[in-house]
Every structure is written in structure tokens, then in C-alpha cells.
Amino acid sequence: MTHLIQAARAAQQRAARAVARVGPAHPVARRLMAAAARAAAAAWDAGHRVADLHHQRTTTAVPADPGADGSVSPAPPPLPTA
């Protein structure tokens, strides 16, 4: 069943390259994104999970923003009205 995982990875890479090259609204990119979604759904239906589709990361991730670690950050002040 690893062929389903490999197919999902390959389809996602093809779609990502097409989107980067011609943009997400291009008909070919849209078809490749749909094909990638179908390949991922087929792998999911066969019992593979998202963790099976992505390699384990060996580095510690740095939070992208102060609230990414689960802490609650205060809301920004409201914008002044004119």
C-alpha cells in the first residue's frame, strides 16, 4: 500500500510546482490540485494517515508568532476612526 502514499506525494509535488509556476487559477494547476486531493483521499481511504504522508521532522520548530505556542496574546488595539 505504500504506492498510494508515493502517488499522493508525487501528485502534491506536481500540483505545487504548477501552482508556483502558473498560479492557482490556471486550469492545469487546478486539475493537478484536484488530482492531488484525489490521491490523498485514496491513501486516506486505504487506512493511511496524514503522519504517513509526511516525513518526521528532526528539528525543533520555532513558533511563527507569539501565540503559536498555545499562549493567548492580547488583542491589538482598535483602529482609529476618521
N, C-alpha and C. Protein backbone atom coordinates (compact mmCIF):
# COMPACT_ATOMS: atom_id res chain seq x y z
N MET A 1 0.80 -1.21 0.00
CA MET A 1 0.00 0.00 0.00
C MET A 1 0.85 1.27 0.00
N THR A 2 2.16 1.13 0.07
CA THR A 2 2.98 2.34 0.06
C THR A 2 2.91 3.05 -1.28
N HIS A 3 2.46 2.36 -2.32
CA HIS A 3 2.33 3.04 -3.61
C HIS A 3 1.30 4.16 -3.55
N LEU A 4 0.29 4.04 -2.71
CA LEU A 4 -0.69 5.12 -2.56
C LEU A 4 -0.06 6.35 -1.91
N ILE A 5 0.80 6.13 -0.94
CA ILE A 5 1.48 7.25 -0.30
C ILE A 5 2.42 7.92 -1.29
N GLN A 6 3.16 7.11 -2.04
CA GLN A 6 4.07 7.68 -3.04
C GLN A 6 3.30 8.44 -4.11
N ALA A 7 2.16 7.91 -4.52
CA ALA A 7 1.34 8.59 -5.52
C ALA A 7 0.81 9.92 -4.98
N ALA A 8 0.40 9.94 -3.72
CA ALA A 8 -0.10 11.18 -3.12
C ALA A 8 1.01 12.21 -3.02
N ARG A 9 2.20 11.79 -2.62
CA ARG A 9 3.33 12.73 -2.53
C ARG A 9 3.68 13.28 -3.90
N ALA A 10 3.75 12.40 -4.90
CA ALA A 10 4.12 12.85 -6.25
C ALA A 10 3.07 13.80 -6.81
N ALA A 11 1.79 13.50 -6.60
CA ALA A 11 0.72 14.36 -7.10
C ALA A 11 0.77 15.73 -6.43
N GLN A 12 1.05 15.74 -5.12
CA GLN A 12 1.12 17.01 -4.41
C GLN A 12 2.30 17.84 -4.91
N GLN A 13 3.42 17.20 -5.16
CA GLN A 13 4.59 17.92 -5.66
C GLN A 13 4.34 18.50 -7.05
N ARG A 14 3.69 17.71 -7.91
CA ARG A 14 3.37 18.22 -9.25
C ARG A 14 2.43 19.41 -9.17
N ALA A 15 1.43 19.32 -8.30
CA ALA A 15 0.48 20.43 -8.15
C ALA A 15 1.17 21.67 -7.59
N ALA A 16 2.03 21.48 -6.60
CA ALA A 16 2.73 22.62 -6.00
C ALA A 16 3.63 23.31 -7.02
N ARG A 17 4.31 22.53 -7.84
CA ARG A 17 5.17 23.12 -8.86
C ARG A 17 4.36 23.89 -9.90
N ALA A 18 3.21 23.33 -10.28
CA ALA A 18 2.36 24.01 -11.25
C ALA A 18 1.82 25.31 -10.68
N VAL A 19 1.39 25.29 -9.44
CA VAL A 19 0.87 26.50 -8.80
C VAL A 19 1.96 27.56 -8.71
N ALA A 20 3.17 27.14 -8.36
CA ALA A 20 4.27 28.10 -8.27
C ALA A 20 4.62 28.69 -9.63
N ARG A 21 4.44 27.91 -10.67
CA ARG A 21 4.83 28.37 -11.99
C ARG A 21 3.77 29.23 -12.66
N VAL A 22 2.50 28.78 -12.62
CA VAL A 22 1.45 29.48 -13.38
C VAL A 22 0.35 30.08 -12.52
N GLY A 23 0.38 29.82 -11.21
CA GLY A 23 -0.64 30.37 -10.32
C GLY A 23 -1.78 29.39 -10.09
N PRO A 24 -2.51 29.57 -8.99
CA PRO A 24 -3.57 28.62 -8.63
C PRO A 24 -4.82 28.69 -9.51
N ALA A 25 -5.00 29.76 -10.27
CA ALA A 25 -6.20 29.89 -11.09
C ALA A 25 -6.04 29.26 -12.47
N HIS A 26 -4.84 28.86 -12.82
CA HIS A 26 -4.61 28.27 -14.15
C HIS A 26 -5.31 26.91 -14.22
N PRO A 27 -5.96 26.59 -15.35
CA PRO A 27 -6.70 25.33 -15.46
C PRO A 27 -5.85 24.08 -15.21
N VAL A 28 -4.62 24.07 -15.68
CA VAL A 28 -3.76 22.90 -15.47
C VAL A 28 -3.43 22.75 -13.99
N ALA A 29 -3.12 23.87 -13.33
CA ALA A 29 -2.82 23.82 -11.90
C ALA A 29 -4.03 23.35 -11.11
N ARG A 30 -5.20 23.81 -11.49
CA ARG A 30 -6.42 23.37 -10.79
C ARG A 30 -6.67 21.88 -10.96
N ARG A 31 -6.42 21.36 -12.16
CA ARG A 31 -6.60 19.91 -12.37
C ARG A 31 -5.57 19.11 -11.58
N LEU A 32 -4.35 19.61 -11.51
CA LEU A 32 -3.33 18.90 -10.74
C LEU A 32 -3.63 18.95 -9.25
N MET A 33 -4.18 20.07 -8.76
CA MET A 33 -4.58 20.14 -7.36
C MET A 33 -5.71 19.16 -7.07
N ALA A 34 -6.65 19.04 -8.00
CA ALA A 34 -7.74 18.08 -7.82
C ALA A 34 -7.21 16.65 -7.83
N ALA A 35 -6.25 16.37 -8.71
CA ALA A 35 -5.66 15.03 -8.76
C ALA A 35 -4.91 14.73 -7.46
N ALA A 36 -4.23 15.72 -6.91
CA ALA A 36 -3.52 15.53 -5.64
C ALA A 36 -4.51 15.25 -4.51
N ALA A 37 -5.62 15.96 -4.52
CA ALA A 37 -6.65 15.72 -3.49
C ALA A 37 -7.22 14.31 -3.62
N ARG A 38 -7.46 13.86 -4.84
CA ARG A 38 -7.97 12.50 -5.03
C ARG A 38 -6.96 11.46 -4.59
N ALA A 39 -5.68 11.68 -4.88
CA ALA A 39 -4.64 10.73 -4.47
C ALA A 39 -4.53 10.67 -2.94
N ALA A 40 -4.60 11.84 -2.29
CA ALA A 40 -4.55 11.86 -0.83
C ALA A 40 -5.78 11.19 -0.23
N ALA A 41 -6.93 11.39 -0.84
CA ALA A 41 -8.16 10.74 -0.35
C ALA A 41 -8.08 9.22 -0.52
N ALA A 42 -7.49 8.76 -1.61
CA ALA A 42 -7.35 7.32 -1.83
C ALA A 42 -6.43 6.72 -0.77
N ALA A 43 -5.34 7.42 -0.44
CA ALA A 43 -4.44 6.93 0.60
C ALA A 43 -5.14 6.92 1.96
N TRP A 44 -5.91 7.95 2.24
CA TRP A 44 -6.65 8.03 3.50
C TRP A 44 -7.67 6.89 3.58
N ASP A 45 -8.41 6.67 2.50
CA ASP A 45 -9.42 5.60 2.49
C ASP A 45 -8.79 4.22 2.65
N ALA A 46 -7.54 4.08 2.23
CA ALA A 46 -6.85 2.79 2.36
C ALA A 46 -6.30 2.58 3.77
N GLY A 47 -6.47 3.58 4.64
CA GLY A 47 -6.04 3.43 6.02
C GLY A 47 -4.78 4.18 6.38
N HIS A 48 -4.18 4.88 5.45
CA HIS A 48 -3.01 5.68 5.75
C HIS A 48 -3.46 6.99 6.38
N ARG A 49 -2.67 7.50 7.28
CA ARG A 49 -2.99 8.75 7.95
C ARG A 49 -2.05 9.85 7.50
N VAL A 50 -2.35 11.07 7.88
CA VAL A 50 -1.55 12.22 7.45
C VAL A 50 -0.10 12.05 7.87
N ALA A 51 0.13 11.49 9.05
CA ALA A 51 1.50 11.28 9.51
C ALA A 51 2.26 10.33 8.60
N ASP A 52 1.56 9.44 7.92
CA ASP A 52 2.20 8.53 6.98
C ASP A 52 2.65 9.25 5.71
N LEU A 53 2.00 10.36 5.39
CA LEU A 53 2.29 11.08 4.16
C LEU A 53 3.42 12.08 4.31
N HIS A 54 3.73 12.46 5.55
CA HIS A 54 4.75 13.48 5.80
C HIS A 54 5.91 12.86 6.58
N HIS A 55 7.11 13.22 6.21
CA HIS A 55 8.28 12.73 6.92
C HIS A 55 8.36 13.36 8.30
N GLN A 56 8.96 12.62 9.24
CA GLN A 56 9.17 13.16 10.58
C GLN A 56 10.20 14.28 10.53
N ARG A 57 9.96 15.34 11.24
CA ARG A 57 10.93 16.44 11.32
C ARG A 57 11.85 16.16 12.50
N THR A 58 13.12 16.41 12.30
CA THR A 58 14.09 16.14 13.35
C THR A 58 14.50 17.40 14.09
N THR A 59 14.12 18.57 13.59
CA THR A 59 14.48 19.81 14.25
C THR A 59 13.29 20.33 15.05
N THR A 60 13.58 21.16 16.00
CA THR A 60 12.53 21.77 16.81
C THR A 60 12.00 22.99 16.07
N ALA A 61 10.71 23.05 15.93
CA ALA A 61 10.10 24.17 15.22
C ALA A 61 10.07 25.41 16.12
N VAL A 62 10.30 26.53 15.52
CA VAL A 62 10.22 27.81 16.22
C VAL A 62 8.85 28.40 15.92
N PRO A 63 8.11 28.83 16.94
CA PRO A 63 6.79 29.41 16.68
C PRO A 63 6.87 30.60 15.74
N ALA A 64 5.94 30.67 14.81
CA ALA A 64 5.94 31.75 13.83
C ALA A 64 5.49 33.07 14.44
N ASP A 65 4.65 32.99 15.45
CA ASP A 65 4.19 34.22 16.11
C ASP A 65 4.08 33.92 17.60
N PRO A 66 3.99 34.96 18.43
CA PRO A 66 3.99 34.73 19.89
C PRO A 66 2.86 33.84 20.38
N GLY A 67 1.73 33.80 19.70
CA GLY A 67 0.61 32.98 20.16
C GLY A 67 0.63 31.57 19.60
N ALA A 68 1.61 31.21 18.79
CA ALA A 68 1.63 29.90 18.16
C ALA A 68 1.90 28.78 19.14
N ASP A 69 2.47 29.09 20.31
CA ASP A 69 2.77 28.04 21.27
C ASP A 69 1.58 27.70 22.16
N GLY A 70 0.44 28.26 21.87
CA GLY A 70 -0.76 27.97 22.64
C GLY A 70 -1.11 29.06 23.63
N SER A 71 -0.20 30.01 23.85
CA SER A 71 -0.50 31.09 24.78
C SER A 71 -1.45 32.08 24.11
N VAL A 72 -2.17 32.78 24.92
CA VAL A 72 -3.11 33.76 24.40
C VAL A 72 -2.44 35.12 24.43
N SER A 73 -2.38 35.74 23.28
CA SER A 73 -1.79 37.06 23.21
C SER A 73 -2.93 38.10 23.23
N PRO A 74 -2.65 39.28 23.76
CA PRO A 74 -3.71 40.29 23.82
C PRO A 74 -4.12 40.75 22.42
N ALA A 75 -5.34 41.15 22.31
CA ALA A 75 -5.86 41.64 21.05
C ALA A 75 -5.22 42.98 20.71
N PRO A 76 -5.01 43.25 19.42
CA PRO A 76 -4.44 44.55 19.06
C PRO A 76 -5.43 45.66 19.35
N PRO A 77 -4.93 46.87 19.55
CA PRO A 77 -5.86 47.98 19.81
C PRO A 77 -6.72 48.27 18.58
N PRO A 78 -7.92 48.80 18.78
CA PRO A 78 -8.78 49.09 17.65
C PRO A 78 -8.20 50.22 16.80
N LEU A 79 -8.53 50.18 15.53
CA LEU A 79 -8.06 51.22 14.60
C LEU A 79 -8.84 52.51 14.86
N PRO A 80 -8.17 53.65 14.76
CA PRO A 80 -8.88 54.92 14.97
C PRO A 80 -9.86 55.15 13.83
N THR A 81 -10.99 55.74 14.17
CA THR A 81 -11.98 56.06 13.15
C THR A 81 -11.78 57.49 12.69
N ALA A 82 -12.00 57.73 11.43
CA ALA A 82 -11.78 59.07 10.88
C ALA A 82 -13.02 59.91 10.91
